[in-house]
Protein backbone atom coordinates (compact mmCIF):
# COMPACT_ATOMS: atom_id res chain seq x y z
CA MET A 1 -17.47 37.65 3.84
CA ASP A 2 -17.44 34.08 1.87
CA ILE A 3 -20.59 32.68 0.38
CA LEU A 4 -22.86 29.28 -0.01
CA MET A 5 -24.83 28.92 -2.88
CA SER A 6 -26.66 25.80 -4.04
CA ILE A 7 -26.45 23.85 -7.27
CA LYS A 8 -28.06 20.53 -7.91
CA THR A 9 -25.76 17.52 -7.66
CA LYS A 10 -25.60 16.71 -11.88
CA TYR A 11 -24.18 20.13 -12.38
CA VAL A 12 -22.06 20.43 -9.87
CA LYS A 13 -20.52 17.36 -11.52
CA GLN A 14 -19.70 19.31 -14.33
CA ILE A 15 -18.14 22.16 -12.62
CA PHE A 16 -16.00 20.43 -10.78
CA ASN A 17 -14.90 17.70 -13.70
CA GLY A 18 -14.32 20.92 -15.76
CA THR A 19 -16.77 21.03 -18.28
CA LYS A 20 -19.44 23.52 -16.79
CA MET A 21 -17.52 27.12 -17.77
CA PHE A 22 -20.79 29.01 -16.45
CA GLU A 23 -23.44 28.85 -13.80
CA TYR A 24 -26.74 30.46 -15.28
CA ARG A 25 -29.07 32.06 -12.90
CA ARG A 26 -32.80 34.18 -13.18
CA LYS A 27 -31.20 36.66 -10.73
CA SER A 28 -27.32 37.78 -10.59
CA ILE A 29 -25.25 37.55 -7.44
CA GLY A 30 -23.60 41.68 -7.92
CA ASP A 31 -20.46 42.54 -8.65
CA LYS A 32 -18.98 42.56 -5.39
CA ASN A 33 -19.45 39.32 -4.98
CA LEU A 34 -16.66 38.37 -7.75
CA ASN A 35 -13.39 36.95 -7.37
CA LYS A 36 -14.86 35.52 -3.83
CA LYS A 37 -15.07 32.04 -2.39
CA VAL A 38 -18.09 31.06 -3.53
CA TYR A 39 -18.55 27.17 -1.23
CA ILE A 40 -21.16 25.06 -3.13
CA TYR A 41 -23.58 23.25 -1.67
CA SER A 42 -24.46 19.98 -3.96
CA SER A 43 -28.45 19.12 -3.21
CA GLU A 44 -30.25 16.08 -4.72
CA GLU A 45 -27.95 13.34 -4.32
CA ASP A 46 -24.95 14.38 -2.23
CA LYS A 47 -27.08 17.02 0.28
CA ALA A 48 -23.29 18.29 1.21
CA ILE A 49 -20.78 21.19 0.77
CA VAL A 50 -18.36 20.03 -1.96
CA GLY A 51 -15.75 22.79 -2.47
CA TYR A 52 -16.00 26.13 -3.67
CA VAL A 53 -15.34 28.31 -6.97
CA ILE A 54 -14.45 31.81 -7.62
CA PHE A 55 -16.72 33.98 -10.48
CA ASP A 56 -14.72 36.68 -12.17
CA LYS A 57 -17.67 37.71 -14.84
CA ILE A 58 -21.42 38.38 -14.92
CA ILE A 59 -22.57 38.21 -17.98
CA GLY A 60 -26.69 39.91 -17.93
CA ASP A 61 -28.46 40.72 -20.67
CA LYS A 62 -31.62 38.92 -22.66
CA VAL A 63 -31.65 35.51 -22.07
CA ASP A 64 -30.93 34.36 -25.91
CA VAL A 65 -27.88 36.70 -25.80
CA VAL A 66 -26.79 35.44 -22.68
CA LEU A 67 -27.18 31.81 -24.28
CA LYS A 68 -25.30 32.81 -27.74
CA GLU A 69 -22.35 34.71 -25.80
CA THR A 70 -21.73 31.84 -23.48
CA GLY A 71 -22.34 29.09 -26.66
CA VAL A 72 -24.91 26.98 -25.03
CA THR A 73 -26.10 24.17 -27.41
CA ASN A 74 -28.79 22.51 -25.05
CA ILE A 75 -31.04 25.75 -25.86
CA GLN A 76 -34.01 24.02 -24.77
CA SER A 77 -33.53 23.30 -21.41
CA MET A 78 -32.30 26.89 -20.94
CA VAL A 79 -35.34 28.41 -22.70
CA ASN A 80 -37.42 26.38 -20.31
CA TYR A 81 -35.09 27.22 -17.11
CA PHE A 82 -35.34 31.16 -17.85
CA LYS A 83 -39.62 30.94 -18.85
CA ASN A 84 -40.99 33.91 -18.31
CA LYS A 85 -37.82 36.04 -17.28
CA ASP A 86 -36.44 38.34 -20.67
CA ILE A 87 -33.49 38.66 -18.78
CA GLY A 88 -30.75 36.03 -17.63
CA TYR A 89 -27.64 35.69 -15.76
CA ALA A 90 -24.25 33.52 -16.50
CA LEU A 91 -21.84 33.75 -13.62
CA HIS A 92 -18.09 32.91 -15.32
CA ILE A 93 -16.37 30.12 -13.04
CA LYS A 94 -12.76 31.20 -12.76
CA GLU A 95 -11.37 28.62 -10.37
CA TYR A 96 -12.85 25.33 -8.76
CA HIS A 97 -11.79 23.39 -6.10
CA GLU A 98 -12.85 20.68 -4.39
CA PHE A 99 -12.83 19.37 -1.00
CA LYS A 100 -11.17 15.90 -0.05
CA GLU A 101 -13.89 15.08 1.97
CA LYS A 102 -16.86 16.13 1.92
CA ILE A 103 -19.24 18.23 4.67
CA LYS A 104 -22.45 16.24 4.84
CA LEU A 105 -25.84 17.72 5.98
CA GLU A 106 -26.55 15.22 8.24
CA ASP A 107 -23.03 16.04 10.11
CA LEU A 108 -23.19 19.59 9.59
CA LYS A 109 -26.50 19.68 11.46
CA LYS A 110 -25.33 17.78 14.30
CA ILE A 111 -22.93 20.30 15.60
CA ALA A 112 -24.65 23.46 14.15
CA LYS A 113 -28.34 23.19 14.20
CA ASP A 114 -29.50 26.33 13.27
CA PHE A 115 -27.47 25.65 9.91
CA VAL A 116 -29.97 26.61 6.63
CA VAL A 117 -29.32 25.54 3.16
CA PRO A 118 -30.01 28.78 0.91
CA GLN A 119 -31.99 28.52 -2.14
CA PHE A 120 -30.09 30.40 -4.00
CA TYR A 121 -26.55 32.08 -2.11
CA ARG A 122 -26.77 33.18 1.29
CA TYR A 123 -23.54 34.84 2.83
CA ILE A 124 -21.60 32.77 5.43
CA SER A 125 -20.89 34.56 9.25
CA ASP A 126 -17.52 34.48 10.54
CA LYS A 127 -19.14 33.37 13.79
CA GLU A 128 -20.54 30.27 12.23
CA VAL A 129 -19.39 26.87 13.25
CA LEU A 130 -19.66 26.27 9.33
CA SER A 131 -16.87 28.73 8.77
CA LYS A 132 -14.11 27.43 11.04
CA MET A 133 -14.95 23.62 9.17
CA LEU A 134 -14.16 25.53 5.72
CA ASP A 135 -11.16 27.01 6.69
CA ASN A 136 -9.61 23.89 8.00
CA LYS A 137 -10.84 21.70 4.48
CA GLU A 138 -7.92 19.74 2.62
CA LEU A 139 -8.33 20.20 -1.18
CA VAL A 140 -8.64 17.62 -3.91
CA LYS A 141 -5.58 18.42 -6.22
CA VAL A 142 -6.19 17.95 -9.58
CA HIS A 143 -4.52 17.34 -12.63
CA ASN A 144 -5.42 17.89 -16.80
CA MET A 145 -4.28 15.89 -19.38
CA LYS A 146 -4.84 14.98 -23.08
CA LEU A 147 -5.28 11.52 -24.17
CA GLN A 148 -5.99 10.12 -27.94
CA ALA A 149 -8.99 8.90 -28.50
CA GLN A 150 -7.88 4.99 -28.59
CA TYR A 151 -6.33 5.39 -25.17
CA PHE A 152 -9.14 7.59 -23.65
CA ASP A 153 -11.30 4.78 -25.08
CA TRP A 154 -9.49 1.95 -22.98
CA ILE A 155 -9.60 3.77 -19.82
CA LYS A 156 -13.50 4.08 -20.44
CA LYS A 157 -14.23 0.37 -21.01
CA GLY A 158 -12.00 -0.45 -18.21
CA THR A 159 -9.34 -2.03 -20.41
CA LYS A 160 -6.38 0.05 -19.23
CA ARG A 161 -5.95 1.29 -15.56
CA ILE A 162 -2.68 2.45 -15.70
CA GLU A 163 -1.38 5.48 -17.74
CA LEU A 164 2.30 5.73 -18.76
CA ARG A 165 4.08 9.10 -18.58
CA LEU A 166 7.45 10.68 -18.66
CA ASN A 167 7.78 11.58 -15.17
CA ASP A 168 8.91 15.15 -15.88
CA GLU A 169 8.01 18.51 -14.06
CA LYS A 170 4.52 18.43 -13.95
CA ARG A 171 4.24 14.60 -13.34
CA GLN A 172 6.28 14.84 -10.65
CA LYS A 173 3.48 17.11 -9.00
CA ILE A 174 1.29 14.29 -8.93
CA ARG A 175 0.59 12.33 -5.36
CA ILE A 176 -1.94 9.09 -4.57
CA GLY A 177 -5.29 10.78 -3.87
CA ASP A 178 -4.93 13.42 -6.34
CA GLU A 179 -7.46 13.52 -9.44
CA ILE A 180 -6.76 13.51 -12.88
CA ILE A 181 -9.22 14.37 -15.75
CA PHE A 182 -8.52 12.99 -18.92
CA GLU A 183 -9.74 14.97 -21.87
CA LYS A 184 -10.47 12.54 -25.16
CA VAL A 185 -8.60 14.46 -28.44
CA ASP A 186 -11.44 14.47 -30.89
CA LYS A 187 -13.82 16.76 -32.62
CA ASP A 188 -16.11 15.91 -29.89
CA PRO A 189 -14.03 15.80 -26.40
CA GLN A 190 -14.80 13.77 -23.62
CA TYR A 191 -13.93 14.12 -20.41
CA LEU A 192 -12.96 11.10 -17.65
CA LYS A 193 -12.42 12.21 -14.10
CA THR A 194 -10.28 9.58 -12.43
CA LYS A 195 -8.78 9.51 -9.13
CA VAL A 196 -4.66 8.10 -8.71
CA VAL A 197 -4.71 5.34 -6.62
CA ASP A 198 -0.59 4.48 -6.93
CA LEU A 199 2.21 5.16 -8.23
CA ASP A 200 5.42 3.31 -9.78
CA TYR A 201 8.28 4.47 -11.26
CA GLU A 202 11.30 2.98 -13.05
CA ASP A 203 13.94 4.55 -15.50
CA ASN A 204 12.64 3.74 -18.71
CA PHE A 205 9.58 2.38 -20.33
CA ASN A 206 10.99 -1.09 -20.92
CA GLU A 207 11.57 -1.50 -17.38
CA LEU A 208 7.90 -0.15 -16.30
CA ILE A 209 6.06 -2.01 -19.04
CA ASP A 210 7.74 -5.56 -17.85
CA LYS A 211 5.85 -4.92 -14.33
CA PHE A 212 2.65 -5.24 -15.62
CA ASP A 213 -0.20 -7.55 -17.65
CA ILE A 214 -0.68 -5.47 -20.67
CA ASP A 215 -4.43 -5.54 -20.02
CA LEU A 216 -3.56 -3.00 -17.60
CA LEU A 217 -1.58 -0.97 -19.78
CA ALA A 218 -3.77 -1.13 -22.82
CA ASP A 219 -5.71 -3.34 -24.65
CA LYS A 220 -5.41 -7.23 -24.54
CA GLN A 221 -4.87 -7.25 -28.41
CA VAL A 222 -1.88 -4.92 -28.05
CA LYS A 223 1.55 -6.75 -27.70
CA LYS A 224 3.57 -5.11 -25.30
CA GLU A 225 6.66 -4.84 -27.64
CA GLU A 226 4.02 -2.77 -30.25
CA LEU A 227 3.22 -0.30 -26.82
CA LEU A 228 7.18 -0.19 -26.13
CA SER A 229 7.75 0.98 -29.51
CA ILE A 230 4.91 3.42 -29.39
CA LEU A 231 6.15 5.13 -26.28
CA ASN A 232 10.14 5.42 -27.47
CA GLU A 233 8.91 7.45 -30.24
CA ILE A 234 7.05 9.54 -28.34
CA TYR A 235 9.10 9.83 -25.49
CA PRO A 236 12.94 9.22 -26.54
CA LEU A 237 15.36 7.50 -24.97
CA GLU A 238 17.28 10.72 -24.08
CA LYS A 239 14.08 12.04 -22.22
CA GLN A 240 13.45 8.86 -20.29
CA LYS A 241 17.06 9.01 -19.26
CA LYS A 242 16.57 12.34 -17.94
CA TYR A 243 13.37 12.21 -16.11
CA GLY A 244 12.20 8.52 -15.80
CA VAL A 245 8.83 6.99 -16.33
CA VAL A 246 5.58 6.63 -14.14
CA GLY A 247 3.24 4.46 -14.18
CA ILE A 248 -0.24 6.41 -12.68
CA LYS A 249 -2.41 3.52 -11.58
CA ILE A 250 -6.16 5.18 -11.56
CA GLU A 251 -9.74 4.43 -10.85
CA ILE A 252 -12.40 6.12 -12.98
CA LYS A 253 -14.95 8.81 -10.36
CA GLU A 254 -17.28 9.96 -13.02
CA ASN A 255 -17.75 10.11 -16.95
């Protein structure tokens, strides 16, 4: 039987952009509920069921031990959360899958007036209207890519809206509507959650770059010749000939 769990919106966002690996709780969900679909109700801002996660491990121990084992850096906030509790639990997130369209509470209540939002979690009966709705939900496909600091910063500040890549096996799986989470390659990693809004294919970067203004591809201070030289160095011409290239047009969803 599947599970429905309530989590605050700010933490839900961290789960679905891949930066939150543990869900911390004062009570355990029990080993029997590991490796099951746990649908997430995002409280506060969203007030909607937004996707599901799968937990594969529970770390239960003294609070300071749990925080140390899971690498918590913001100790004080977690200490406040576990106030007056000797034992704490960390649920390891093995997988996370987001819906393309959320199930809003207001819409759900119209067809299932007895729907109950859990304080922590509850089981979803096969007889519930919600169970049938969840079976038919389409998931967002998420791709993860690493970016050097300057390219990441250009996307973040809005001077780069098209990511140029070799159209290899990994990139061939990308479709319009998918999400890409970019990770900044840096001693202090950052993440950007983006949505793919268009895809443009060419045989080589020279042809692809020629189609767009530089402020969509990099920074206004960069010349197209410079960008082309960098790309040709990273992706040799023989690889461009083998796979072709792709311009991935994106829009930022969340920082």
